[in-house]
Amino acid sequence: MSLLPSPGTRVIEETDQQLEPPYHLVLLDDDEHTYAYVIRMCAEIFGYGPEKGYAIACVVDSQGRAVLMTGSHDEVRAKQELVHAYGPDPLMPNSRGSMSAIIEPACQGTGR
């Protein structure tokens, strides 16, 4: 007797592991940081090119928030700490510290 599935038979693997839901790291807009700051921060923390950094700066400026990344809670939390530790914008005299970023579940209902 063969242990291989026959044609038309589905093999279902059961696992006890639950996949962790994804999370967004969301950058919040303020009046203390320039586009250049956002572009540089995105490059240094996330490895993003200048075009992607500029796009994030445009979105956060126009919409008040922009998703920086999506990942596991631990990955997002580690990057959030780097954003919060990045420091003030040297091009803005009134910049008192880093930008703020919050963590949100990626799988929120949209109400549609």
C-alpha atoms as a PDB file:
ATOM      1  CA  MET A   1       0.000   0.000   0.000  1.00  0.00           C
ATOM      2  CA  SER A   2       1.408   3.399  -1.020  1.00  0.00           C
ATOM      3  CA  LEU A   3       1.633   6.314   1.435  1.00  0.00           C
ATOM      4  CA  LEU A   4       1.537   8.883  -1.347  1.00  0.00           C
ATOM      5  CA  PRO A   5      -1.742  10.614  -2.093  1.00  0.00           C
ATOM      6  CA  SER A   6      -3.577   9.313  -5.095  1.00  0.00           C
ATOM      7  CA  PRO A   7      -4.762  11.645  -7.864  1.00  0.00           C
ATOM      8  CA  GLY A   8      -7.716  13.683  -6.720  1.00  0.00           C
ATOM      9  CA  THR A   9      -6.742  13.381  -3.053  1.00  0.00           C
ATOM     10  CA  ARG A  10      -5.963  16.527  -1.097  1.00  0.00           C
ATOM     11  CA  VAL A  11      -3.411  16.464   1.684  1.00  0.00           C
ATOM     12  CA  ILE A  12      -4.209  18.846   4.506  1.00  0.00           C
ATOM     13  CA  GLU A  13      -1.441  19.654   6.900  1.00  0.00           C
ATOM     14  CA  GLU A  14      -2.447  20.710  10.360  1.00  0.00           C
ATOM     15  CA  THR A  15      -0.274  23.006  12.358  1.00  0.00           C
ATOM     16  CA  ASP A  16      -0.491  24.422  15.823  1.00  0.00           C
ATOM     17  CA  GLN A  17       1.234  27.623  14.752  1.00  0.00           C
ATOM     18  CA  GLN A  18      -0.901  30.715  14.375  1.00  0.00           C
ATOM     19  CA  LEU A  19       0.391  33.391  12.040  1.00  0.00           C
ATOM     20  CA  GLU A  20       0.893  36.718  13.734  1.00  0.00           C
ATOM     21  CA  PRO A  21      -1.217  39.441  12.131  1.00  0.00           C
ATOM     22  CA  PRO A  22       0.749  42.197  10.371  1.00  0.00           C
ATOM     23  CA  TYR A  23       1.169  45.693  11.777  1.00  0.00           C
ATOM     24  CA  HIS A  24       1.770  49.086  10.164  1.00  0.00           C
ATOM     25  CA  LEU A  25       4.271  51.627  11.399  1.00  0.00           C
ATOM     26  CA  VAL A  26       2.605  54.966  10.674  1.00  0.00           C
ATOM     27  CA  LEU A  27       4.542  58.238  10.565  1.00  0.00           C
ATOM     28  CA  LEU A  28       2.603  61.247  11.881  1.00  0.00           C
ATOM     29  CA  ASP A  29       2.883  64.739  10.426  1.00  0.00           C
ATOM     30  CA  ASP A  30       4.124  67.754  12.362  1.00  0.00           C
ATOM     31  CA  ASP A  31       5.479  71.233  11.626  1.00  0.00           C
ATOM     32  CA  GLU A  32       8.981  70.595  12.971  1.00  0.00           C
ATOM     33  CA  HIS A  33      10.528  68.435  10.237  1.00  0.00           C
ATOM     34  CA  THR A  34      11.407  69.007   6.584  1.00  0.00           C
ATOM     35  CA  TYR A  35      10.987  66.758   3.575  1.00  0.00           C
ATOM     36  CA  ALA A  36      14.770  66.368   3.581  1.00  0.00           C
ATOM     37  CA  TYR A  37      14.605  65.006   7.139  1.00  0.00           C
ATOM     38  CA  VAL A  38      11.958  62.432   6.199  1.00  0.00           C
ATOM     39  CA  ILE A  39      13.919  61.378   3.101  1.00  0.00           C
ATOM     40  CA  ARG A  40      17.158  61.000   5.089  1.00  0.00           C
ATOM     41  CA  MET A  41      15.434  59.170   7.971  1.00  0.00           C
ATOM     42  CA  CYS A  42      13.740  56.735   5.563  1.00  0.00           C
ATOM     43  CA  ALA A  43      17.077  56.024   3.884  1.00  0.00           C
ATOM     44  CA  GLU A  44      19.005  55.479   7.108  1.00  0.00           C
ATOM     45  CA  ILE A  45      16.392  53.492   9.036  1.00  0.00           C
ATOM     46  CA  PHE A  46      14.550  51.612   6.283  1.00  0.00           C
ATOM     47  CA  GLY A  47      17.042  51.601   3.415  1.00  0.00           C
ATOM     48  CA  TYR A  48      14.570  53.392   1.131  1.00  0.00           C
ATOM     49  CA  GLY A  49      15.766  55.277  -1.918  1.00  0.00           C
ATOM     50  CA  PRO A  50      15.204  59.032  -2.205  1.00  0.00           C
ATOM     51  CA  GLU A  51      12.144  58.593  -4.435  1.00  0.00           C
ATOM     52  CA  LYS A  52      10.348  56.444  -1.861  1.00  0.00           C
ATOM     53  CA  GLY A  53      11.406  58.768   0.962  1.00  0.00           C
ATOM     54  CA  TYR A  54      10.058  61.733  -0.984  1.00  0.00           C
ATOM     55  CA  ALA A  55       6.785  59.915  -1.663  1.00  0.00           C
ATOM     56  CA  ILE A  56       6.392  59.184   2.068  1.00  0.00           C
ATOM     57  CA  ALA A  57       7.142  62.842   2.873  1.00  0.00           C
ATOM     58  CA  CYS A  58       4.468  63.963   0.386  1.00  0.00           C
ATOM     59  CA  VAL A  59       1.867  61.585   1.814  1.00  0.00           C
ATOM     60  CA  VAL A  60       2.543  62.480   5.453  1.00  0.00           C
ATOM     61  CA  ASP A  61       2.424  66.187   4.563  1.00  0.00           C
ATOM     62  CA  SER A  62      -0.816  65.990   2.577  1.00  0.00           C
ATOM     63  CA  GLN A  63      -2.680  63.327   4.577  1.00  0.00           C
ATOM     64  CA  GLY A  64      -1.232  63.777   8.044  1.00  0.00           C
ATOM     65  CA  ARG A  65       0.111  60.235   8.186  1.00  0.00           C
ATOM     66  CA  ALA A  66       1.957  57.704   6.052  1.00  0.00           C
ATOM     67  CA  VAL A  67       2.697  53.999   6.407  1.00  0.00           C
ATOM     68  CA  LEU A  68       6.455  53.531   6.752  1.00  0.00           C
ATOM     69  CA  MET A  69       6.419  49.730   6.780  1.00  0.00           C
ATOM     70  CA  THR A  70       4.342  46.654   7.499  1.00  0.00           C
ATOM     71  CA  GLY A  71       5.665  43.670   9.430  1.00  0.00           C
ATOM     72  CA  SER A  72       5.441  41.662  12.612  1.00  0.00           C
ATOM     73  CA  HIS A  73       4.828  43.558  15.828  1.00  0.00           C
ATOM     74  CA  ASP A  74       8.439  43.002  16.899  1.00  0.00           C
ATOM     75  CA  GLU A  75       9.848  44.264  13.571  1.00  0.00           C
ATOM     76  CA  VAL A  76       7.613  47.322  13.580  1.00  0.00           C
ATOM     77  CA  ARG A  77       8.350  48.084  17.243  1.00  0.00           C
ATOM     78  CA  ALA A  78      12.119  47.938  16.629  1.00  0.00           C
ATOM     79  CA  LYS A  79      11.826  50.409  13.729  1.00  0.00           C
ATOM     80  CA  GLN A  80       9.508  52.652  15.768  1.00  0.00           C
ATOM     81  CA  GLU A  81      12.212  52.945  18.408  1.00  0.00           C
ATOM     82  CA  LEU A  82      14.716  53.996  15.730  1.00  0.00           C
ATOM     83  CA  VAL A  83      12.307  56.635  14.370  1.00  0.00           C
ATOM     84  CA  HIS A  84      11.727  58.010  17.875  1.00  0.00           C
ATOM     85  CA  ALA A  85      15.489  58.106  18.542  1.00  0.00           C
ATOM     86  CA  TYR A  86      16.412  59.754  15.220  1.00  0.00           C
ATOM     87  CA  GLY A  87      16.579  63.228  16.728  1.00  0.00           C
ATOM     88  CA  PRO A  88      15.570  66.732  15.714  1.00  0.00           C
ATOM     89  CA  ASP A  89      15.738  68.185  12.223  1.00  0.00           C
ATOM     90  CA  PRO A  90      18.891  70.333  11.992  1.00  0.00           C
ATOM     91  CA  LEU A  91      17.268  72.376   9.190  1.00  0.00           C
ATOM     92  CA  MET A  92      14.374  73.481  11.430  1.00  0.00           C
ATOM     93  CA  PRO A  93      15.268  75.773  14.351  1.00  0.00           C
ATOM     94  CA  ASN A  94      11.995  74.912  16.121  1.00  0.00           C
ATOM     95  CA  SER A  95      12.529  71.121  15.813  1.00  0.00           C
ATOM     96  CA  ARG A  96      12.696  69.802  19.379  1.00  0.00           C
ATOM     97  CA  GLY A  97      13.002  66.087  18.686  1.00  0.00           C
ATOM     98  CA  SER A  98      12.214  63.144  16.465  1.00  0.00           C
ATOM     99  CA  MET A  99       9.041  62.603  14.487  1.00  0.00           C
ATOM    100  CA  SER A 100       6.334  60.406  15.976  1.00  0.00           C
ATOM    101  CA  ALA A 101       5.268  57.040  14.617  1.00  0.00           C
ATOM    102  CA  ILE A 102       2.489  54.797  15.872  1.00  0.00           C
ATOM    103  CA  ILE A 103       1.798  51.080  15.481  1.00  0.00           C
ATOM    104  CA  GLU A 104      -1.558  49.953  14.109  1.00  0.00           C
ATOM    105  CA  PRO A 105      -2.914  46.545  13.096  1.00  0.00           C
ATOM    106  CA  ALA A 106      -2.682  46.236   9.316  1.00  0.00           C
ATOM    107  CA  CYS A 107      -5.944  44.318   9.057  1.00  0.00           C
ATOM    108  CA  GLN A 108      -8.409  46.962  10.171  1.00  0.00           C
ATOM    109  CA  GLY A 109     -11.807  47.090   8.565  1.00  0.00           C
ATOM    110  CA  THR A 110     -12.371  49.999   6.214  1.00  0.00           C
ATOM    111  CA  GLY A 111     -16.100  50.239   6.821  1.00  0.00           C
ATOM    112  CA  ARG A 112     -16.858  49.484   3.175  1.00  0.00           C
END
